[in-house]
């Protein structure tokens, strides 16, 4: 335990020292250096590069290898840009460069008075959603604790600076329901690998385990789901896009209906990923490895 605490503290101090040095530079210089570090170290040294390459091969089997390689490098550059916007970009500049598209879709869902589940993904700069309270949108976010509690505390302080309320992924159901009763927007990442607990459904053409939480809560408590994503604009800045709500108050909470809602969420998420493939997090193991047969998938869904 002592060694773990020492490692955590050492990693955190090195991280803060690097941030201190980068913040001494003008933001464009710091952004350039940080994005190149992600490219040189992340891509160059192969940090999860093989996982990302396999994922791209799975989804884009007909894409020429050189084109996939260029796309993979852009994925690392996008991660570097997100880190720069999170840790280096002055808060006022981030806010002034953020715009909202499709707000009427979110307002229509909030008008139902059941709260809103904001179904999002690791796309663009998902951390930029922390600015939503400044646009008059009451936001809570379901988050997962990081292994290093010092990093966790630092990142959570950044997330809550503008009024975001954080909900622990494993122990926060009561708080999540309380936020919905207060007609708040609760954001949930829906593109993560749920492991053996997940419902098997195709994602970008291949079977993947899905967390059922967003669909289950929507069906049980009649809360609408609004797909939303924080995309990086080619000309700079972030556009937070809200799509029309997914709402089926007539349906009961069952595995069949959970799959129906998850499929509708996926259809929107997949469209955004295919339009902006360099902005999605290809570095995590989203799919089953090895992929299971249709018979095994059906058996797992029934269980």
C-alpha atoms as a PDB file:
ATOM      1  CA  UNK A   1       0.000   0.000   0.000  1.00  0.00           C
ATOM      2  CA  UNK A   2       2.801   2.411   0.858  1.00  0.00           C
ATOM      3  CA  UNK A   3       4.469   1.703  -2.452  1.00  0.00           C
ATOM      4  CA  UNK A   4       1.193   2.321  -4.315  1.00  0.00           C
ATOM      5  CA  UNK A   5       0.752   5.651  -2.572  1.00  0.00           C
ATOM      6  CA  UNK A   6       4.332   6.568  -3.422  1.00  0.00           C
ATOM      7  CA  UNK A   7       3.847   5.660  -7.077  1.00  0.00           C
ATOM      8  CA  UNK A   8       0.585   7.609  -7.237  1.00  0.00           C
ATOM      9  CA  UNK A   9       2.152  10.666  -5.677  1.00  0.00           C
ATOM     10  CA  UNK A  10       5.238  10.498  -7.912  1.00  0.00           C
ATOM     11  CA  UNK A  11       3.146  10.184 -11.077  1.00  0.00           C
ATOM     12  CA  UNK A  12       0.939  13.062  -9.985  1.00  0.00           C
ATOM     13  CA  UNK A  13       3.852  15.368  -9.127  1.00  0.00           C
ATOM     14  CA  UNK A  14       5.475  14.683 -12.494  1.00  0.00           C
ATOM     15  CA  UNK A  15       2.159  15.418 -14.191  1.00  0.00           C
ATOM     16  CA  UNK A  16       1.711  18.721 -12.352  1.00  0.00           C
ATOM     17  CA  UNK A  17       5.318  19.722 -13.052  1.00  0.00           C
ATOM     18  CA  UNK A  18       4.814  19.047 -16.778  1.00  0.00           C
ATOM     19  CA  UNK A  19       1.600  21.108 -16.736  1.00  0.00           C
ATOM     20  CA  UNK A  20       3.414  23.950 -14.980  1.00  0.00           C
ATOM     21  CA  UNK A  21       6.063  24.005 -17.715  1.00  0.00           C
ATOM     22  CA  UNK A  22       3.540  23.783 -20.544  1.00  0.00           C
ATOM     23  CA  UNK A  23       1.435  26.602 -19.085  1.00  0.00           C
ATOM     24  CA  UNK A  24       4.455  28.891 -19.193  1.00  0.00           C
ATOM     25  CA  UNK A  25       4.204  28.744 -22.983  1.00  0.00           C
ATOM     26  CA  UNK A  26       1.618  30.616 -25.077  1.00  0.00           C
ATOM     27  CA  UNK A  27      -1.344  28.305 -25.549  1.00  0.00           C
ATOM     28  CA  UNK A  28      -0.741  27.634 -29.297  1.00  0.00           C
ATOM     29  CA  UNK A  29       2.823  26.534 -28.508  1.00  0.00           C
ATOM     30  CA  UNK A  30       1.748  24.374 -25.564  1.00  0.00           C
ATOM     31  CA  UNK A  31      -1.011  22.805 -27.665  1.00  0.00           C
ATOM     32  CA  UNK A  32       1.425  22.033 -30.483  1.00  0.00           C
ATOM     33  CA  UNK A  33       3.910  20.438 -28.092  1.00  0.00           C
ATOM     34  CA  UNK A  34       1.283  18.402 -26.243  1.00  0.00           C
ATOM     35  CA  UNK A  35      -0.289  17.046 -29.426  1.00  0.00           C
ATOM     36  CA  UNK A  36       3.149  16.058 -30.724  1.00  0.00           C
ATOM     37  CA  UNK A  37       3.921  14.312 -27.436  1.00  0.00           C
ATOM     38  CA  UNK A  38       0.756  12.257 -27.861  1.00  0.00           C
ATOM     39  CA  UNK A  39       1.850  11.429 -31.397  1.00  0.00           C
ATOM     40  CA  UNK A  40       5.501  10.735 -30.600  1.00  0.00           C
ATOM     41  CA  UNK A  41       4.948   8.843 -27.361  1.00  0.00           C
ATOM     42  CA  UNK A  42       1.441   7.416 -27.811  1.00  0.00           C
ATOM     43  CA  UNK A  43       1.713   6.418 -31.440  1.00  0.00           C
ATOM     44  CA  UNK A  44       5.510   6.250 -31.717  1.00  0.00           C
ATOM     45  CA  UNK A  45       6.043   4.028 -28.670  1.00  0.00           C
ATOM     46  CA  UNK A  46       2.914   2.042 -29.424  1.00  0.00           C
ATOM     47  CA  UNK A  47       0.772   2.820 -26.359  1.00  0.00           C
ATOM     48  CA  UNK A  48      -2.419   0.870 -27.208  1.00  0.00           C
ATOM     49  CA  UNK A  49      -1.552   1.348 -30.880  1.00  0.00           C
ATOM     50  CA  UNK A  50      -2.084  -2.331 -31.671  1.00  0.00           C
ATOM     51  CA  UNK A  51      -5.555  -2.261 -30.094  1.00  0.00           C
ATOM     52  CA  UNK A  52      -6.515   0.807 -32.118  1.00  0.00           C
ATOM     53  CA  UNK A  53      -5.087  -0.658 -35.336  1.00  0.00           C
ATOM     54  CA  UNK A  54      -7.077  -3.880 -34.822  1.00  0.00           C
ATOM     55  CA  UNK A  55     -10.255  -1.890 -34.181  1.00  0.00           C
ATOM     56  CA  UNK A  56      -9.797   0.158 -37.349  1.00  0.00           C
ATOM     57  CA  UNK A  57      -9.066  -2.998 -39.342  1.00  0.00           C
ATOM     58  CA  UNK A  58     -12.274  -4.535 -37.979  1.00  0.00           C
ATOM     59  CA  UNK A  59     -14.493  -1.578 -38.886  1.00  0.00           C
ATOM     60  CA  UNK A  60     -12.730  -0.484 -42.092  1.00  0.00           C
ATOM     61  CA  UNK A  61     -11.410  -3.733 -43.650  1.00  0.00           C
ATOM     62  CA  UNK A  62     -11.468  -2.258 -47.161  1.00  0.00           C
ATOM     63  CA  UNK A  63      -9.596   0.904 -46.263  1.00  0.00           C
ATOM     64  CA  UNK A  64      -6.040   0.967 -47.703  1.00  0.00           C
ATOM     65  CA  UNK A  65      -3.423   0.335 -44.968  1.00  0.00           C
ATOM     66  CA  UNK A  66      -1.722   3.692 -45.555  1.00  0.00           C
ATOM     67  CA  UNK A  67      -5.045   5.487 -45.118  1.00  0.00           C
ATOM     68  CA  UNK A  68      -5.739   3.578 -41.874  1.00  0.00           C
ATOM     69  CA  UNK A  69      -2.270   4.539 -40.624  1.00  0.00           C
ATOM     70  CA  UNK A  70      -2.944   8.224 -41.327  1.00  0.00           C
ATOM     71  CA  UNK A  71      -6.307   7.931 -39.582  1.00  0.00           C
ATOM     72  CA  UNK A  72      -4.688   6.301 -36.557  1.00  0.00           C
ATOM     73  CA  UNK A  73      -2.181   9.147 -36.253  1.00  0.00           C
ATOM     74  CA  UNK A  74      -5.045  11.651 -36.371  1.00  0.00           C
ATOM     75  CA  UNK A  75      -6.724   9.749 -33.513  1.00  0.00           C
ATOM     76  CA  UNK A  76      -3.642  10.347 -31.324  1.00  0.00           C
ATOM     77  CA  UNK A  77      -3.525  13.992 -32.400  1.00  0.00           C
ATOM     78  CA  UNK A  78      -7.185  14.377 -31.435  1.00  0.00           C
ATOM     79  CA  UNK A  79      -6.436  12.983 -27.978  1.00  0.00           C
ATOM     80  CA  UNK A  80      -3.606  15.482 -27.648  1.00  0.00           C
ATOM     81  CA  UNK A  81      -5.944  18.326 -28.603  1.00  0.00           C
ATOM     82  CA  UNK A  82      -8.471  17.168 -26.009  1.00  0.00           C
ATOM     83  CA  UNK A  83      -5.756  17.099 -23.345  1.00  0.00           C
ATOM     84  CA  UNK A  84      -4.612  20.586 -24.349  1.00  0.00           C
ATOM     85  CA  UNK A  85      -8.180  21.908 -24.150  1.00  0.00           C
ATOM     86  CA  UNK A  86      -8.688  20.258 -20.767  1.00  0.00           C
ATOM     87  CA  UNK A  87      -5.414  21.213 -19.071  1.00  0.00           C
ATOM     88  CA  UNK A  88      -3.947  24.195 -20.946  1.00  0.00           C
ATOM     89  CA  UNK A  89      -6.697  26.202 -22.625  1.00  0.00           C
ATOM     90  CA  UNK A  90      -7.870  29.172 -20.510  1.00  0.00           C
ATOM     91  CA  UNK A  91     -11.414  28.519 -19.301  1.00  0.00           C
ATOM     92  CA  UNK A  92     -12.828  31.698 -20.857  1.00  0.00           C
ATOM     93  CA  UNK A  93     -11.368  30.735 -24.225  1.00  0.00           C
ATOM     94  CA  UNK A  94     -12.874  27.249 -24.020  1.00  0.00           C
ATOM     95  CA  UNK A  95     -16.288  28.677 -23.188  1.00  0.00           C
ATOM     96  CA  UNK A  96     -16.190  31.331 -25.919  1.00  0.00           C
ATOM     97  CA  UNK A  97     -15.226  28.675 -28.469  1.00  0.00           C
ATOM     98  CA  UNK A  98     -18.078  26.321 -27.522  1.00  0.00           C
ATOM     99  CA  UNK A  99     -21.408  26.385 -29.347  1.00  0.00           C
ATOM    100  CA  UNK A 100     -24.607  24.343 -29.019  1.00  0.00           C
ATOM    101  CA  UNK A 101     -26.503  22.786 -31.913  1.00  0.00           C
ATOM    102  CA  UNK A 102     -29.942  21.210 -31.577  1.00  0.00           C
ATOM    103  CA  UNK A 103     -30.736  22.782 -28.234  1.00  0.00           C
ATOM    104  CA  UNK A 104     -34.421  22.555 -29.133  1.00  0.00           C
ATOM    105  CA  UNK A 105     -34.100  18.751 -28.942  1.00  0.00           C
ATOM    106  CA  UNK A 106     -32.826  18.951 -25.380  1.00  0.00           C
ATOM    107  CA  UNK A 107     -35.460  21.524 -24.382  1.00  0.00           C
ATOM    108  CA  UNK A 108     -38.237  19.312 -25.778  1.00  0.00           C
ATOM    109  CA  UNK A 109     -37.012  16.426 -23.633  1.00  0.00           C
ATOM    110  CA  UNK A 110     -36.682  18.588 -20.503  1.00  0.00           C
ATOM    111  CA  UNK A 111     -40.236  19.857 -21.039  1.00  0.00           C
ATOM    112  CA  UNK A 112     -41.503  16.366 -20.144  1.00  0.00           C
ATOM    113  CA  UNK A 113     -40.342  16.967 -16.559  1.00  0.00           C
ATOM    114  CA  UNK A 114     -38.735  13.535 -16.166  1.00  0.00           C
ATOM    115  CA  UNK A 115     -35.132  14.654 -16.411  1.00  0.00           C
ATOM    116  CA  UNK A 116     -32.964  13.717 -19.390  1.00  0.00           C
ATOM    117  CA  UNK A 117     -30.386  10.989 -19.933  1.00  0.00           C
ATOM    118  CA  UNK A 118     -27.699  12.457 -22.181  1.00  0.00           C
ATOM    119  CA  UNK A 119     -26.282   9.440 -24.028  1.00  0.00           C
ATOM    120  CA  UNK A 120     -22.815  10.365 -25.213  1.00  0.00           C
ATOM    121  CA  UNK A 121     -19.587   8.704 -26.347  1.00  0.00           C
ATOM    122  CA  UNK A 122     -15.804   9.067 -26.276  1.00  0.00           C
ATOM    123  CA  UNK A 123     -16.064  11.333 -29.290  1.00  0.00           C
ATOM    124  CA  UNK A 124     -14.478  14.724 -29.959  1.00  0.00           C
ATOM    125  CA  UNK A 125     -13.785  16.338 -26.599  1.00  0.00           C
ATOM    126  CA  UNK A 126     -16.375  14.749 -24.321  1.00  0.00           C
ATOM    127  CA  UNK A 127     -14.941  16.624 -21.332  1.00  0.00           C
ATOM    128  CA  UNK A 128     -16.104  19.912 -22.900  1.00  0.00           C
ATOM    129  CA  UNK A 129     -19.633  19.098 -21.706  1.00  0.00           C
ATOM    130  CA  UNK A 130     -18.549  20.540 -18.360  1.00  0.00           C
ATOM    131  CA  UNK A 131     -19.350  23.989 -19.843  1.00  0.00           C
ATOM    132  CA  UNK A 132     -23.086  23.203 -20.229  1.00  0.00           C
ATOM    133  CA  UNK A 133     -24.153  24.719 -16.864  1.00  0.00           C
ATOM    134  CA  UNK A 134     -22.896  28.083 -18.175  1.00  0.00           C
ATOM    135  CA  UNK A 135     -25.460  27.751 -20.984  1.00  0.00           C
ATOM    136  CA  UNK A 136     -28.260  27.266 -18.465  1.00  0.00           C
ATOM    137  CA  UNK A 137     -28.291  23.463 -18.707  1.00  0.00           C
ATOM    138  CA  UNK A 138     -28.212  21.735 -15.276  1.00  0.00           C
ATOM    139  CA  UNK A 139     -25.802  18.852 -15.709  1.00  0.00           C
ATOM    140  CA  UNK A 140     -24.756  15.799 -13.734  1.00  0.00           C
ATOM    141  CA  UNK A 141     -22.204  13.310 -15.057  1.00  0.00           C
ATOM    142  CA  UNK A 142     -21.763   9.631 -14.264  1.00  0.00           C
ATOM    143  CA  UNK A 143     -18.015   9.106 -13.807  1.00  0.00           C
ATOM    144  CA  UNK A 144     -15.717   6.195 -13.080  1.00  0.00           C
ATOM    145  CA  UNK A 145     -13.021   6.532 -10.438  1.00  0.00           C
ATOM    146  CA  UNK A 146      -9.453   6.478 -11.746  1.00  0.00           C
ATOM    147  CA  UNK A 147      -6.805   4.224 -10.267  1.00  0.00           C
ATOM    148  CA  UNK A 148      -4.729   7.191  -9.111  1.00  0.00           C
ATOM    149  CA  UNK A 149      -6.889   9.066  -6.605  1.00  0.00           C
ATOM    150  CA  UNK A 150      -4.776  12.223  -7.009  1.00  0.00           C
ATOM    151  CA  UNK A 151      -5.485  12.385 -10.743  1.00  0.00           C
ATOM    152  CA  UNK A 152      -9.112  11.620  -9.965  1.00  0.00           C
ATOM    153  CA  UNK A 153      -9.432  14.527  -7.538  1.00  0.00           C
ATOM    154  CA  UNK A 154      -7.671  16.938  -9.906  1.00  0.00           C
ATOM    155  CA  UNK A 155      -9.810  16.028 -12.925  1.00  0.00           C
ATOM    156  CA  UNK A 156     -13.008  16.120 -10.868  1.00  0.00           C
ATOM    157  CA  UNK A 157     -12.119  19.614  -9.672  1.00  0.00           C
ATOM    158  CA  UNK A 158     -11.885  20.707 -13.313  1.00  0.00           C
ATOM    159  CA  UNK A 159     -15.185  19.015 -14.144  1.00  0.00           C
ATOM    160  CA  UNK A 160     -17.113  20.630 -11.300  1.00  0.00           C
ATOM    161  CA  UNK A 161     -15.669  24.141 -11.665  1.00  0.00           C
ATOM    162  CA  UNK A 162     -18.670  25.302 -13.717  1.00  0.00           C
ATOM    163  CA  UNK A 163     -21.305  23.546 -11.636  1.00  0.00           C
ATOM    164  CA  UNK A 164     -21.373  19.967 -12.923  1.00  0.00           C
ATOM    165  CA  UNK A 165     -22.555  17.432 -10.363  1.00  0.00           C
ATOM    166  CA  UNK A 166     -20.625  14.145 -10.351  1.00  0.00           C
ATOM    167  CA  UNK A 167     -22.207  10.721  -9.787  1.00  0.00           C
ATOM    168  CA  UNK A 168     -20.145   7.644  -8.986  1.00  0.00           C
ATOM    169  CA  UNK A 169     -20.678   4.967 -11.624  1.00  0.00           C
ATOM    170  CA  UNK A 170     -20.831   2.067  -9.180  1.00  0.00           C
ATOM    171  CA  UNK A 171     -22.634   3.523  -6.169  1.00  0.00           C
ATOM    172  CA  UNK A 172     -24.580   6.516  -7.444  1.00  0.00           C
ATOM    173  CA  UNK A 173     -27.975   5.183  -8.542  1.00  0.00           C
ATOM    174  CA  UNK A 174     -29.928   7.011  -5.817  1.00  0.00           C
ATOM    175  CA  UNK A 175     -28.151  10.265  -6.634  1.00  0.00           C
ATOM    176  CA  UNK A 176     -28.760   9.748 -10.360  1.00  0.00           C
ATOM    177  CA  UNK A 177     -32.492   9.263  -9.782  1.00  0.00           C
ATOM    178  CA  UNK A 178     -32.558  12.319  -7.540  1.00  0.00           C
ATOM    179  CA  UNK A 179     -31.020  14.378 -10.359  1.00  0.00           C
ATOM    180  CA  UNK A 180     -33.671  13.147 -12.785  1.00  0.00           C
ATOM    181  CA  UNK A 181     -36.423  14.055 -10.302  1.00  0.00           C
ATOM    182  CA  UNK A 182     -34.922  17.568 -10.240  1.00  0.00           C
ATOM    183  CA  UNK A 183     -35.278  17.617 -14.054  1.00  0.00           C
ATOM    184  CA  UNK A 184     -31.534  17.697 -14.594  1.00  0.00           C
ATOM    185  CA  UNK A 185     -29.544  16.360 -17.536  1.00  0.00           C
ATOM    186  CA  UNK A 186     -27.522  13.271 -16.566  1.00  0.00           C
ATOM    187  CA  UNK A 187     -24.764  12.330 -19.011  1.00  0.00           C
ATOM    188  CA  UNK A 188     -23.764   8.679 -19.443  1.00  0.00           C
ATOM    189  CA  UNK A 189     -21.049   7.302 -21.731  1.00  0.00           C
ATOM    190  CA  UNK A 190     -22.720   4.526 -23.733  1.00  0.00           C
ATOM    191  CA  UNK A 191     -19.837   3.304 -25.916  1.00  0.00           C
ATOM    192  CA  UNK A 192     -17.853   1.428 -23.254  1.00  0.00           C
ATOM    193  CA  UNK A 193     -17.232  -2.324 -23.130  1.00  0.00           C
ATOM    194  CA  UNK A 194     -19.508  -3.726 -20.431  1.00  0.00           C
ATOM    195  CA  UNK A 195     -17.709  -7.057 -20.224  1.00  0.00           C
ATOM    196  CA  UNK A 196     -19.595 -10.217 -19.237  1.00  0.00           C
ATOM    197  CA  UNK A 197     -22.387  -8.165 -17.629  1.00  0.00           C
ATOM    198  CA  UNK A 198     -23.295  -6.483 -20.901  1.00  0.00           C
ATOM    199  CA  UNK A 199     -26.015  -7.068 -23.448  1.00  0.00           C
ATOM    200  CA  UNK A 200     -24.601  -8.171 -26.788  1.00  0.00           C
ATOM    201  CA  UNK A 201     -25.515  -5.926 -29.677  1.00  0.00           C
ATOM    202  CA  UNK A 202     -23.775  -4.964 -32.895  1.00  0.00           C
ATOM    203  CA  UNK A 203     -21.722  -1.786 -32.776  1.00  0.00           C
ATOM    204  CA  UNK A 204     -20.209  -0.537 -36.037  1.00  0.00           C
ATOM    205  CA  UNK A 205     -21.014  -3.900 -37.565  1.00  0.00           C
ATOM    206  CA  UNK A 206     -19.589  -6.226 -34.895  1.00  0.00           C
ATOM    207  CA  UNK A 207     -20.957  -7.710 -31.650  1.00  0.00           C
ATOM    208  CA  UNK A 208     -20.047  -5.801 -28.512  1.00  0.00           C
ATOM    209  CA  UNK A 209     -21.152  -5.887 -24.857  1.00  0.00           C
ATOM    210  CA  UNK A 210     -23.261  -2.854 -23.905  1.00  0.00           C
ATOM    211  CA  UNK A 211     -24.047  -1.414 -20.493  1.00  0.00           C
ATOM    212  CA  UNK A 212     -27.816  -1.487 -20.108  1.00  0.00           C
ATOM    213  CA  UNK A 213     -28.046   1.288 -17.483  1.00  0.00           C
ATOM    214  CA  UNK A 214     -29.183   4.157 -19.720  1.00  0.00           C
ATOM    215  CA  UNK A 215     -31.867   2.048 -21.413  1.00  0.00           C
ATOM    216  CA  UNK A 216     -33.019   0.408 -18.167  1.00  0.00           C
ATOM    217  CA  UNK A 217     -33.405   3.722 -16.326  1.00  0.00           C
ATOM    218  CA  UNK A 218     -35.223   5.273 -19.281  1.00  0.00           C
ATOM    219  CA  UNK A 219     -37.705   2.398 -19.470  1.00  0.00           C
ATOM    220  CA  UNK A 220     -38.260   2.078 -15.738  1.00  0.00           C
ATOM    221  CA  UNK A 221     -38.566   5.792 -14.906  1.00  0.00           C
ATOM    222  CA  UNK A 222     -39.833   7.063 -18.293  1.00  0.00           C
ATOM    223  CA  UNK A 223     -36.933   9.494 -18.666  1.00  0.00           C
ATOM    224  CA  UNK A 224     -36.173  10.487 -22.276  1.00  0.00           C
ATOM    225  CA  UNK A 225     -32.749   9.826 -23.773  1.00  0.00           C
ATOM    226  CA  UNK A 226     -31.072  12.534 -25.842  1.00  0.00           C
ATOM    227  CA  UNK A 227     -27.967  11.499 -27.810  1.00  0.00           C
ATOM    228  CA  UNK A 228     -25.388  14.279 -27.595  1.00  0.00           C
ATOM    229  CA  UNK A 229     -21.753  14.693 -28.625  1.00  0.00           C
ATOM    230  CA  UNK A 230     -19.038  17.354 -28.228  1.00  0.00           C
ATOM    231  CA  UNK A 231     -17.403  17.517 -31.646  1.00  0.00           C
ATOM    232  CA  UNK A 232     -14.278  19.448 -32.573  1.00  0.00           C
ATOM    233  CA  UNK A 233     -14.861  21.845 -35.472  1.00  0.00           C
ATOM    234  CA  UNK A 234     -12.350  21.921 -38.367  1.00  0.00           C
ATOM    235  CA  UNK A 235     -12.053  25.693 -37.954  1.00  0.00           C
ATOM    236  CA  UNK A 236     -11.549  25.402 -34.196  1.00  0.00           C
ATOM    237  CA  UNK A 237     -13.807  25.306 -31.163  1.00  0.00           C
ATOM    238  CA  UNK A 238     -16.295  22.714 -29.931  1.00  0.00           C
ATOM    239  CA  UNK A 239     -19.864  22.111 -31.068  1.00  0.00           C
ATOM    240  CA  UNK A 240     -22.079  20.260 -28.595  1.00  0.00           C
ATOM    241  CA  UNK A 241     -24.762  18.600 -30.709  1.00  0.00           C
ATOM    242  CA  UNK A 242     -28.087  17.335 -29.343  1.00  0.00           C
ATOM    243  CA  UNK A 243     -30.148  14.894 -31.399  1.00  0.00           C
ATOM    244  CA  UNK A 244     -33.934  14.255 -31.159  1.00  0.00           C
ATOM    245  CA  UNK A 245     -34.970  12.356 -28.048  1.00  0.00           C
ATOM    246  CA  UNK A 246     -35.396   8.596 -27.803  1.00  0.00           C
ATOM    247  CA  UNK A 247     -38.470   8.044 -25.646  1.00  0.00           C
ATOM    248  CA  UNK A 248     -40.772   5.046 -25.343  1.00  0.00           C
ATOM    249  CA  UNK A 249     -42.962   5.551 -22.241  1.00  0.00           C
ATOM    250  CA  UNK A 250     -45.316   2.846 -23.525  1.00  0.00           C
ATOM    251  CA  UNK A 251     -42.647   0.142 -23.154  1.00  0.00           C
ATOM    252  CA  UNK A 252     -41.920  -1.859 -20.026  1.00  0.00           C
ATOM    253  CA  UNK A 253     -38.444  -2.557 -18.697  1.00  0.00           C
ATOM    254  CA  UNK A 254     -37.341  -5.819 -20.302  1.00  0.00           C
ATOM    255  CA  UNK A 255     -34.195  -7.106 -21.978  1.00  0.00           C
ATOM    256  CA  UNK A 256     -35.926  -6.972 -25.356  1.00  0.00           C
ATOM    257  CA  UNK A 257     -36.854  -3.311 -24.901  1.00  0.00           C
ATOM    258  CA  UNK A 258     -33.446  -2.419 -23.473  1.00  0.00           C
ATOM    259  CA  UNK A 259     -31.903  -3.780 -26.657  1.00  0.00           C
ATOM    260  CA  UNK A 260     -34.354  -1.717 -28.693  1.00  0.00           C
ATOM    261  CA  UNK A 261     -33.277   1.527 -27.002  1.00  0.00           C
ATOM    262  CA  UNK A 262     -29.587   0.652 -27.150  1.00  0.00           C
ATOM    263  CA  UNK A 263     -29.937  -0.043 -30.865  1.00  0.00           C
ATOM    264  CA  UNK A 264     -31.492   3.394 -31.391  1.00  0.00           C
ATOM    265  CA  UNK A 265     -28.676   5.053 -29.422  1.00  0.00           C
ATOM    266  CA  UNK A 266     -26.090   3.116 -31.412  1.00  0.00           C
ATOM    267  CA  UNK A 267     -27.592   4.210 -34.726  1.00  0.00           C
ATOM    268  CA  UNK A 268     -26.938   7.849 -33.824  1.00  0.00           C
ATOM    269  CA  UNK A 269     -23.519   7.241 -32.275  1.00  0.00           C
ATOM    270  CA  UNK A 270     -22.364   5.169 -35.243  1.00  0.00           C
ATOM    271  CA  UNK A 271     -23.409   7.913 -37.649  1.00  0.00           C
ATOM    272  CA  UNK A 272     -21.342  10.475 -35.760  1.00  0.00           C
ATOM    273  CA  UNK A 273     -18.324   8.149 -35.560  1.00  0.00           C
ATOM    274  CA  UNK A 274     -18.403   7.354 -39.272  1.00  0.00           C
ATOM    275  CA  UNK A 275     -18.613  11.059 -40.059  1.00  0.00           C
ATOM    276  CA  UNK A 276     -15.761  11.878 -37.654  1.00  0.00           C
ATOM    277  CA  UNK A 277     -13.675   8.687 -37.273  1.00  0.00           C
ATOM    278  CA  UNK A 278     -10.535  10.519 -36.157  1.00  0.00           C
ATOM    279  CA  UNK A 279     -12.435  11.911 -33.160  1.00  0.00           C
ATOM    280  CA  UNK A 280     -13.482   8.584 -31.626  1.00  0.00           C
ATOM    281  CA  UNK A 281     -11.461   6.710 -28.991  1.00  0.00           C
ATOM    282  CA  UNK A 282     -10.332   3.659 -30.957  1.00  0.00           C
ATOM    283  CA  UNK A 283      -7.774   2.806 -28.266  1.00  0.00           C
ATOM    284  CA  UNK A 284     -10.080   0.809 -25.996  1.00  0.00           C
ATOM    285  CA  UNK A 285     -11.239  -2.772 -26.483  1.00  0.00           C
ATOM    286  CA  UNK A 286     -14.822  -2.080 -27.487  1.00  0.00           C
ATOM    287  CA  UNK A 287     -15.577  -5.426 -29.094  1.00  0.00           C
ATOM    288  CA  UNK A 288     -15.615  -9.028 -28.000  1.00  0.00           C
ATOM    289  CA  UNK A 289     -12.250 -10.743 -28.362  1.00  0.00           C
ATOM    290  CA  UNK A 290     -12.655 -13.204 -29.868  1.00  0.00           C
ATOM    291  CA  UNK A 291     -16.041 -12.311 -31.292  1.00  0.00           C
ATOM    292  CA  UNK A 292     -18.734 -14.738 -30.213  1.00  0.00           C
ATOM    293  CA  UNK A 293     -20.941 -16.739 -32.503  1.00  0.00           C
ATOM    294  CA  UNK A 294     -24.585 -15.682 -33.025  1.00  0.00           C
ATOM    295  CA  UNK A 295     -25.671 -18.685 -30.935  1.00  0.00           C
ATOM    296  CA  UNK A 296     -23.500 -17.636 -27.988  1.00  0.00           C
ATOM    297  CA  UNK A 297     -24.718 -14.041 -28.314  1.00  0.00           C
ATOM    298  CA  UNK A 298     -28.341 -15.143 -28.175  1.00  0.00           C
ATOM    299  CA  UNK A 299     -27.679 -17.333 -25.154  1.00  0.00           C
ATOM    300  CA  UNK A 300     -25.971 -14.456 -23.331  1.00  0.00           C
ATOM    301  CA  UNK A 301     -28.826 -12.053 -24.082  1.00  0.00           C
ATOM    302  CA  UNK A 302     -31.404 -14.524 -22.736  1.00  0.00           C
ATOM    303  CA  UNK A 303     -29.365 -14.986 -19.545  1.00  0.00           C
END
